Amino acid sequence: MLACTAVTLPVAAVSPATSVPAAATQCDTTSWGSTVERVDEMGRAPLTTVRTGRHDCFDRVVYSLAGPAAGYYVEYVDQVTQDGSGTVIPVPGDARLLVRLHHPAHDDAGAPTLVPPATAGQPVADVTGYPTLRSVVFAGSFEGDTVLGVGVRARLPFRVLVLDGPDGGGRLVVDVAHSWS
């Protein structure tokens, strides 16, 4: 025969839950700068897509390649020009980053690889409502280099990252801070 004994345990007083404000996002962009970032290695993998993203502390432009990422040259300039002709390419924004990928935007037969295909002066990303980015404009592909202009609201710090992408592709990433830290 089983015997059951009831046990009463003391209960601590419970106060109603209080809301704790979320911690402010920490934006550590102190190691970023506004001077030239470059790697001089040439790459054969062509540019395939350009996309953008908004983050708490920065706006991002991602250049996807059909193979490993190699070299680049990124700097603030007064004007973005088309290689070969020297034609000034309008890039809306109060400051402009010249992004030169040491990669073509076409295959070995000369067919465009950028999806969707773009011509010089054509926007390649919609950045409406972004805190920092104002435009991303294709300036052309010439002798193995592809040039794009990134219009920003002011000359703000940026960083450049080279990342592995899916299926053996590479990505060149340019992040532009929302403010100076």
C-alpha atoms as a PDB file:
ATOM      1  CA  MET A   1       0.000   0.000   0.000  1.00  0.00           C
ATOM      2  CA  LEU A   2       1.338   3.456  -0.935  1.00  0.00           C
ATOM      3  CA  ALA A   3       1.139   6.416   1.359  1.00  0.00           C
ATOM      4  CA  CYS A   4       1.074   9.979   0.001  1.00  0.00           C
ATOM      5  CA  THR A   5       2.159  12.952   1.988  1.00  0.00           C
ATOM      6  CA  ALA A   6       1.380  16.512   0.890  1.00  0.00           C
ATOM      7  CA  VAL A   7       4.222  18.962   1.264  1.00  0.00           C
ATOM      8  CA  THR A   8       3.714  22.722   1.264  1.00  0.00           C
ATOM      9  CA  LEU A   9       6.662  24.807   0.108  1.00  0.00           C
ATOM     10  CA  PRO A  10       7.044  28.508   0.820  1.00  0.00           C
ATOM     11  CA  VAL A  11       6.548  30.743  -2.252  1.00  0.00           C
ATOM     12  CA  ALA A  12       8.570  33.895  -2.779  1.00  0.00           C
ATOM     13  CA  ALA A  13       6.695  37.046  -3.598  1.00  0.00           C
ATOM     14  CA  VAL A  14       6.695  37.779  -7.328  1.00  0.00           C
ATOM     15  CA  SER A  15       6.660  41.325  -8.552  1.00  0.00           C
ATOM     16  CA  PRO A  16       5.265  42.280 -11.940  1.00  0.00           C
ATOM     17  CA  ALA A  17       7.721  42.215 -14.857  1.00  0.00           C
ATOM     18  CA  THR A  18       9.346  45.498 -15.661  1.00  0.00           C
ATOM     19  CA  SER A  19      10.505  46.605 -19.047  1.00  0.00           C
ATOM     20  CA  VAL A  20      14.216  47.196 -19.457  1.00  0.00           C
ATOM     21  CA  PRO A  21      15.197  49.503 -22.303  1.00  0.00           C
ATOM     22  CA  ALA A  22      17.203  47.801 -25.021  1.00  0.00           C
ATOM     23  CA  ALA A  23      20.865  48.673 -25.030  1.00  0.00           C
ATOM     24  CA  ALA A  24      21.824  51.143 -27.696  1.00  0.00           C
ATOM     25  CA  THR A  25      23.554  49.590 -30.665  1.00  0.00           C
ATOM     26  CA  GLN A  26      27.308  49.906 -30.314  1.00  0.00           C
ATOM     27  CA  CYS A  27      28.731  51.246 -33.552  1.00  0.00           C
ATOM     28  CA  ASP A  28      32.460  50.698 -33.483  1.00  0.00           C
ATOM     29  CA  THR A  29      33.659  52.163 -36.743  1.00  0.00           C
ATOM     30  CA  THR A  30      36.743  53.772 -35.207  1.00  0.00           C
ATOM     31  CA  SER A  31      39.096  51.638 -37.321  1.00  0.00           C
ATOM     32  CA  TRP A  32      37.350  52.711 -40.540  1.00  0.00           C
ATOM     33  CA  GLY A  33      38.662  55.641 -42.534  1.00  0.00           C
ATOM     34  CA  SER A  34      38.073  57.804 -45.571  1.00  0.00           C
ATOM     35  CA  THR A  35      41.353  57.293 -47.420  1.00  0.00           C
ATOM     36  CA  VAL A  36      42.185  54.945 -50.284  1.00  0.00           C
ATOM     37  CA  GLU A  37      41.683  51.198 -49.751  1.00  0.00           C
ATOM     38  CA  ARG A  38      43.329  48.993 -52.363  1.00  0.00           C
ATOM     39  CA  VAL A  39      44.579  45.570 -53.355  1.00  0.00           C
ATOM     40  CA  ASP A  40      46.375  45.576 -56.708  1.00  0.00           C
ATOM     41  CA  GLU A  41      45.794  41.941 -57.729  1.00  0.00           C
ATOM     42  CA  MET A  42      43.898  41.408 -61.017  1.00  0.00           C
ATOM     43  CA  GLY A  43      41.015  38.923 -61.103  1.00  0.00           C
ATOM     44  CA  ARG A  44      39.382  37.039 -63.957  1.00  0.00           C
ATOM     45  CA  ALA A  45      36.072  36.278 -62.249  1.00  0.00           C
ATOM     46  CA  PRO A  46      33.448  38.635 -63.698  1.00  0.00           C
ATOM     47  CA  LEU A  47      31.020  40.795 -61.731  1.00  0.00           C
ATOM     48  CA  THR A  48      27.547  39.204 -61.669  1.00  0.00           C
ATOM     49  CA  THR A  49      25.351  41.213 -59.280  1.00  0.00           C
ATOM     50  CA  VAL A  50      25.312  44.322 -57.110  1.00  0.00           C
ATOM     51  CA  ARG A  51      23.070  44.486 -54.056  1.00  0.00           C
ATOM     52  CA  THR A  52      22.753  46.688 -50.997  1.00  0.00           C
ATOM     53  CA  GLY A  53      21.726  46.364 -47.368  1.00  0.00           C
ATOM     54  CA  ARG A  54      20.957  48.578 -44.383  1.00  0.00           C
ATOM     55  CA  HIS A  55      22.480  47.839 -40.988  1.00  0.00           C
ATOM     56  CA  ASP A  56      22.276  49.608 -37.620  1.00  0.00           C
ATOM     57  CA  CYS A  57      25.594  51.436 -38.043  1.00  0.00           C
ATOM     58  CA  PHE A  58      26.298  51.388 -41.779  1.00  0.00           C
ATOM     59  CA  ASP A  59      24.946  50.849 -45.275  1.00  0.00           C
ATOM     60  CA  ARG A  60      26.464  48.061 -47.368  1.00  0.00           C
ATOM     61  CA  VAL A  61      27.124  47.490 -51.071  1.00  0.00           C
ATOM     62  CA  VAL A  62      27.926  43.903 -52.102  1.00  0.00           C
ATOM     63  CA  TYR A  63      29.570  43.163 -55.442  1.00  0.00           C
ATOM     64  CA  SER A  64      29.202  39.439 -56.256  1.00  0.00           C
ATOM     65  CA  LEU A  65      31.671  37.723 -58.555  1.00  0.00           C
ATOM     66  CA  ALA A  66      31.548  34.457 -60.520  1.00  0.00           C
ATOM     67  CA  GLY A  67      34.781  33.292 -58.855  1.00  0.00           C
ATOM     68  CA  PRO A  68      37.253  34.306 -56.174  1.00  0.00           C
ATOM     69  CA  ALA A  69      37.539  38.011 -55.399  1.00  0.00           C
ATOM     70  CA  ALA A  70      40.879  39.639 -56.160  1.00  0.00           C
ATOM     71  CA  GLY A  71      41.787  43.307 -56.330  1.00  0.00           C
ATOM     72  CA  TYR A  72      40.001  46.603 -55.883  1.00  0.00           C
ATOM     73  CA  TYR A  73      40.576  50.317 -55.468  1.00  0.00           C
ATOM     74  CA  VAL A  74      38.111  52.413 -53.412  1.00  0.00           C
ATOM     75  CA  GLU A  75      38.454  56.132 -52.704  1.00  0.00           C
ATOM     76  CA  TYR A  76      36.468  59.346 -52.376  1.00  0.00           C
ATOM     77  CA  VAL A  77      36.609  61.411 -55.583  1.00  0.00           C
ATOM     78  CA  ASP A  78      35.088  64.654 -56.842  1.00  0.00           C
ATOM     79  CA  GLN A  79      33.868  62.954 -60.032  1.00  0.00           C
ATOM     80  CA  VAL A  80      33.491  59.405 -61.286  1.00  0.00           C
ATOM     81  CA  THR A  81      34.690  58.989 -64.862  1.00  0.00           C
ATOM     82  CA  GLN A  82      34.328  56.243 -67.407  1.00  0.00           C
ATOM     83  CA  ASP A  83      37.593  54.451 -68.203  1.00  0.00           C
ATOM     84  CA  GLY A  84      38.729  54.798 -71.785  1.00  0.00           C
ATOM     85  CA  SER A  85      36.663  57.879 -72.650  1.00  0.00           C
ATOM     86  CA  GLY A  86      37.046  60.002 -69.514  1.00  0.00           C
ATOM     87  CA  THR A  87      33.330  60.823 -69.664  1.00  0.00           C
ATOM     88  CA  VAL A  88      32.037  62.118 -66.312  1.00  0.00           C
ATOM     89  CA  ILE A  89      29.363  59.793 -64.922  1.00  0.00           C
ATOM     90  CA  PRO A  90      26.741  61.544 -62.751  1.00  0.00           C
ATOM     91  CA  VAL A  91      26.592  59.915 -59.305  1.00  0.00           C
ATOM     92  CA  PRO A  92      23.921  61.497 -57.060  1.00  0.00           C
ATOM     93  CA  GLY A  93      25.094  62.243 -53.508  1.00  0.00           C
ATOM     94  CA  ASP A  94      27.031  64.905 -51.593  1.00  0.00           C
ATOM     95  CA  ALA A  95      30.166  62.712 -51.726  1.00  0.00           C
ATOM     96  CA  ARG A  96      31.215  59.975 -54.148  1.00  0.00           C
ATOM     97  CA  LEU A  97      33.155  56.768 -53.703  1.00  0.00           C
ATOM     98  CA  LEU A  98      34.898  55.417 -56.775  1.00  0.00           C
ATOM     99  CA  VAL A  99      34.799  51.616 -56.596  1.00  0.00           C
ATOM    100  CA  ARG A 100      37.141  49.995 -59.105  1.00  0.00           C
ATOM    101  CA  LEU A 101      36.970  46.215 -59.182  1.00  0.00           C
ATOM    102  CA  HIS A 102      39.954  44.554 -60.833  1.00  0.00           C
ATOM    103  CA  HIS A 103      37.388  42.240 -62.443  1.00  0.00           C
ATOM    104  CA  PRO A 104      35.484  42.553 -65.750  1.00  0.00           C
ATOM    105  CA  ALA A 105      31.698  42.832 -66.107  1.00  0.00           C
ATOM    106  CA  HIS A 106      31.698  40.529 -69.140  1.00  0.00           C
ATOM    107  CA  ASP A 107      32.774  37.008 -70.030  1.00  0.00           C
ATOM    108  CA  ASP A 108      35.712  36.054 -72.273  1.00  0.00           C
ATOM    109  CA  ALA A 109      33.499  36.447 -75.370  1.00  0.00           C
ATOM    110  CA  GLY A 110      32.509  39.993 -74.329  1.00  0.00           C
ATOM    111  CA  ALA A 111      28.939  39.154 -73.256  1.00  0.00           C
ATOM    112  CA  PRO A 112      27.730  41.128 -70.195  1.00  0.00           C
ATOM    113  CA  THR A 113      27.730  39.179 -66.925  1.00  0.00           C
ATOM    114  CA  LEU A 114      26.128  41.801 -64.677  1.00  0.00           C
ATOM    115  CA  VAL A 115      22.497  40.884 -63.972  1.00  0.00           C
ATOM    116  CA  PRO A 116      20.615  42.868 -65.010  1.00  0.00           C
ATOM    117  CA  PRO A 117      22.991  44.265 -67.654  1.00  0.00           C
ATOM    118  CA  ALA A 118      23.833  47.950 -67.181  1.00  0.00           C
ATOM    119  CA  THR A 119      25.188  50.753 -69.321  1.00  0.00           C
ATOM    120  CA  ALA A 120      27.382  53.631 -68.171  1.00  0.00           C
ATOM    121  CA  GLY A 121      25.449  56.062 -65.980  1.00  0.00           C
ATOM    122  CA  GLN A 122      22.734  53.561 -65.069  1.00  0.00           C
ATOM    123  CA  PRO A 123      21.815  52.934 -61.404  1.00  0.00           C
ATOM    124  CA  VAL A 124      22.333  49.289 -60.428  1.00  0.00           C
ATOM    125  CA  ALA A 125      20.679  49.348 -56.980  1.00  0.00           C
ATOM    126  CA  ASP A 126      17.695  51.059 -55.375  1.00  0.00           C
ATOM    127  CA  VAL A 127      18.869  52.792 -52.196  1.00  0.00           C
ATOM    128  CA  THR A 128      15.721  54.812 -51.519  1.00  0.00           C
ATOM    129  CA  GLY A 129      15.381  55.437 -47.777  1.00  0.00           C
ATOM    130  CA  TYR A 130      18.932  54.441 -46.864  1.00  0.00           C
ATOM    131  CA  PRO A 131      20.536  56.577 -44.129  1.00  0.00           C
ATOM    132  CA  THR A 132      23.891  56.957 -45.926  1.00  0.00           C
ATOM    133  CA  LEU A 133      23.734  55.643 -49.500  1.00  0.00           C
ATOM    134  CA  ARG A 134      22.263  57.913 -52.184  1.00  0.00           C
ATOM    135  CA  SER A 135      23.107  55.985 -55.373  1.00  0.00           C
ATOM    136  CA  VAL A 136      25.056  53.084 -56.862  1.00  0.00           C
ATOM    137  CA  VAL A 137      25.842  53.767 -60.526  1.00  0.00           C
ATOM    138  CA  PHE A 138      27.598  51.641 -63.169  1.00  0.00           C
ATOM    139  CA  ALA A 139      30.395  53.576 -64.895  1.00  0.00           C
ATOM    140  CA  GLY A 140      31.677  50.856 -67.216  1.00  0.00           C
ATOM    141  CA  SER A 141      34.032  47.938 -67.689  1.00  0.00           C
ATOM    142  CA  PHE A 142      37.281  48.476 -69.584  1.00  0.00           C
ATOM    143  CA  GLU A 143      40.457  46.405 -69.917  1.00  0.00           C
ATOM    144  CA  GLY A 144      39.566  44.040 -67.072  1.00  0.00           C
ATOM    145  CA  ASP A 145      38.432  46.693 -64.573  1.00  0.00           C
ATOM    146  CA  THR A 146      34.846  47.552 -63.690  1.00  0.00           C
ATOM    147  CA  VAL A 147      34.080  50.982 -62.228  1.00  0.00           C
ATOM    148  CA  LEU A 148      31.035  51.940 -60.181  1.00  0.00           C
ATOM    149  CA  GLY A 149      30.221  55.125 -58.313  1.00  0.00           C
ATOM    150  CA  VAL A 150      28.619  55.083 -54.875  1.00  0.00           C
ATOM    151  CA  GLY A 151      26.920  58.332 -53.904  1.00  0.00           C
ATOM    152  CA  VAL A 152      26.739  58.995 -50.159  1.00  0.00           C
ATOM    153  CA  ARG A 153      25.265  61.822 -48.075  1.00  0.00           C
ATOM    154  CA  ALA A 154      28.696  62.973 -46.793  1.00  0.00           C
ATOM    155  CA  ARG A 155      32.319  61.905 -46.761  1.00  0.00           C
ATOM    156  CA  LEU A 156      31.944  59.230 -44.088  1.00  0.00           C
ATOM    157  CA  PRO A 157      34.256  56.424 -42.979  1.00  0.00           C
ATOM    158  CA  PHE A 158      34.162  53.188 -44.956  1.00  0.00           C
ATOM    159  CA  ARG A 159      35.717  49.741 -44.951  1.00  0.00           C
ATOM    160  CA  VAL A 160      36.262  47.141 -47.653  1.00  0.00           C
ATOM    161  CA  LEU A 161      35.883  43.406 -47.055  1.00  0.00           C
ATOM    162  CA  VAL A 162      36.627  40.461 -49.333  1.00  0.00           C
ATOM    163  CA  LEU A 163      34.406  37.479 -48.536  1.00  0.00           C
ATOM    164  CA  ASP A 164      33.842  34.014 -49.913  1.00  0.00           C
ATOM    165  CA  GLY A 165      30.494  33.620 -51.621  1.00  0.00           C
ATOM    166  CA  PRO A 166      28.290  30.659 -52.391  1.00  0.00           C
ATOM    167  CA  ASP A 167      29.305  28.149 -55.092  1.00  0.00           C
ATOM    168  CA  GLY A 168      32.941  29.272 -55.165  1.00  0.00           C
ATOM    169  CA  GLY A 169      32.094  32.879 -55.963  1.00  0.00           C
ATOM    170  CA  GLY A 170      33.591  35.824 -54.167  1.00  0.00           C
ATOM    171  CA  ARG A 171      32.191  39.068 -52.834  1.00  0.00           C
ATOM    172  CA  LEU A 172      33.675  42.487 -52.435  1.00  0.00           C
ATOM    173  CA  VAL A 173      31.839  44.447 -49.736  1.00  0.00           C
ATOM    174  CA  VAL A 174      31.962  48.203 -49.150  1.00  0.00           C
ATOM    175  CA  ASP A 175      30.409  49.380 -45.866  1.00  0.00           C
ATOM    176  CA  VAL A 176      29.849  53.111 -45.329  1.00  0.00           C
ATOM    177  CA  ALA A 177      29.216  54.251 -41.734  1.00  0.00           C
ATOM    178  CA  HIS A 178      26.172  56.350 -40.866  1.00  0.00           C
ATOM    179  CA  SER A 179      28.396  58.773 -38.920  1.00  0.00           C
ATOM    180  CA  TRP A 180      31.906  59.329 -37.606  1.00  0.00           C
ATOM    181  CA  SER A 181      32.358  57.465 -34.277  1.00  0.00           C
END
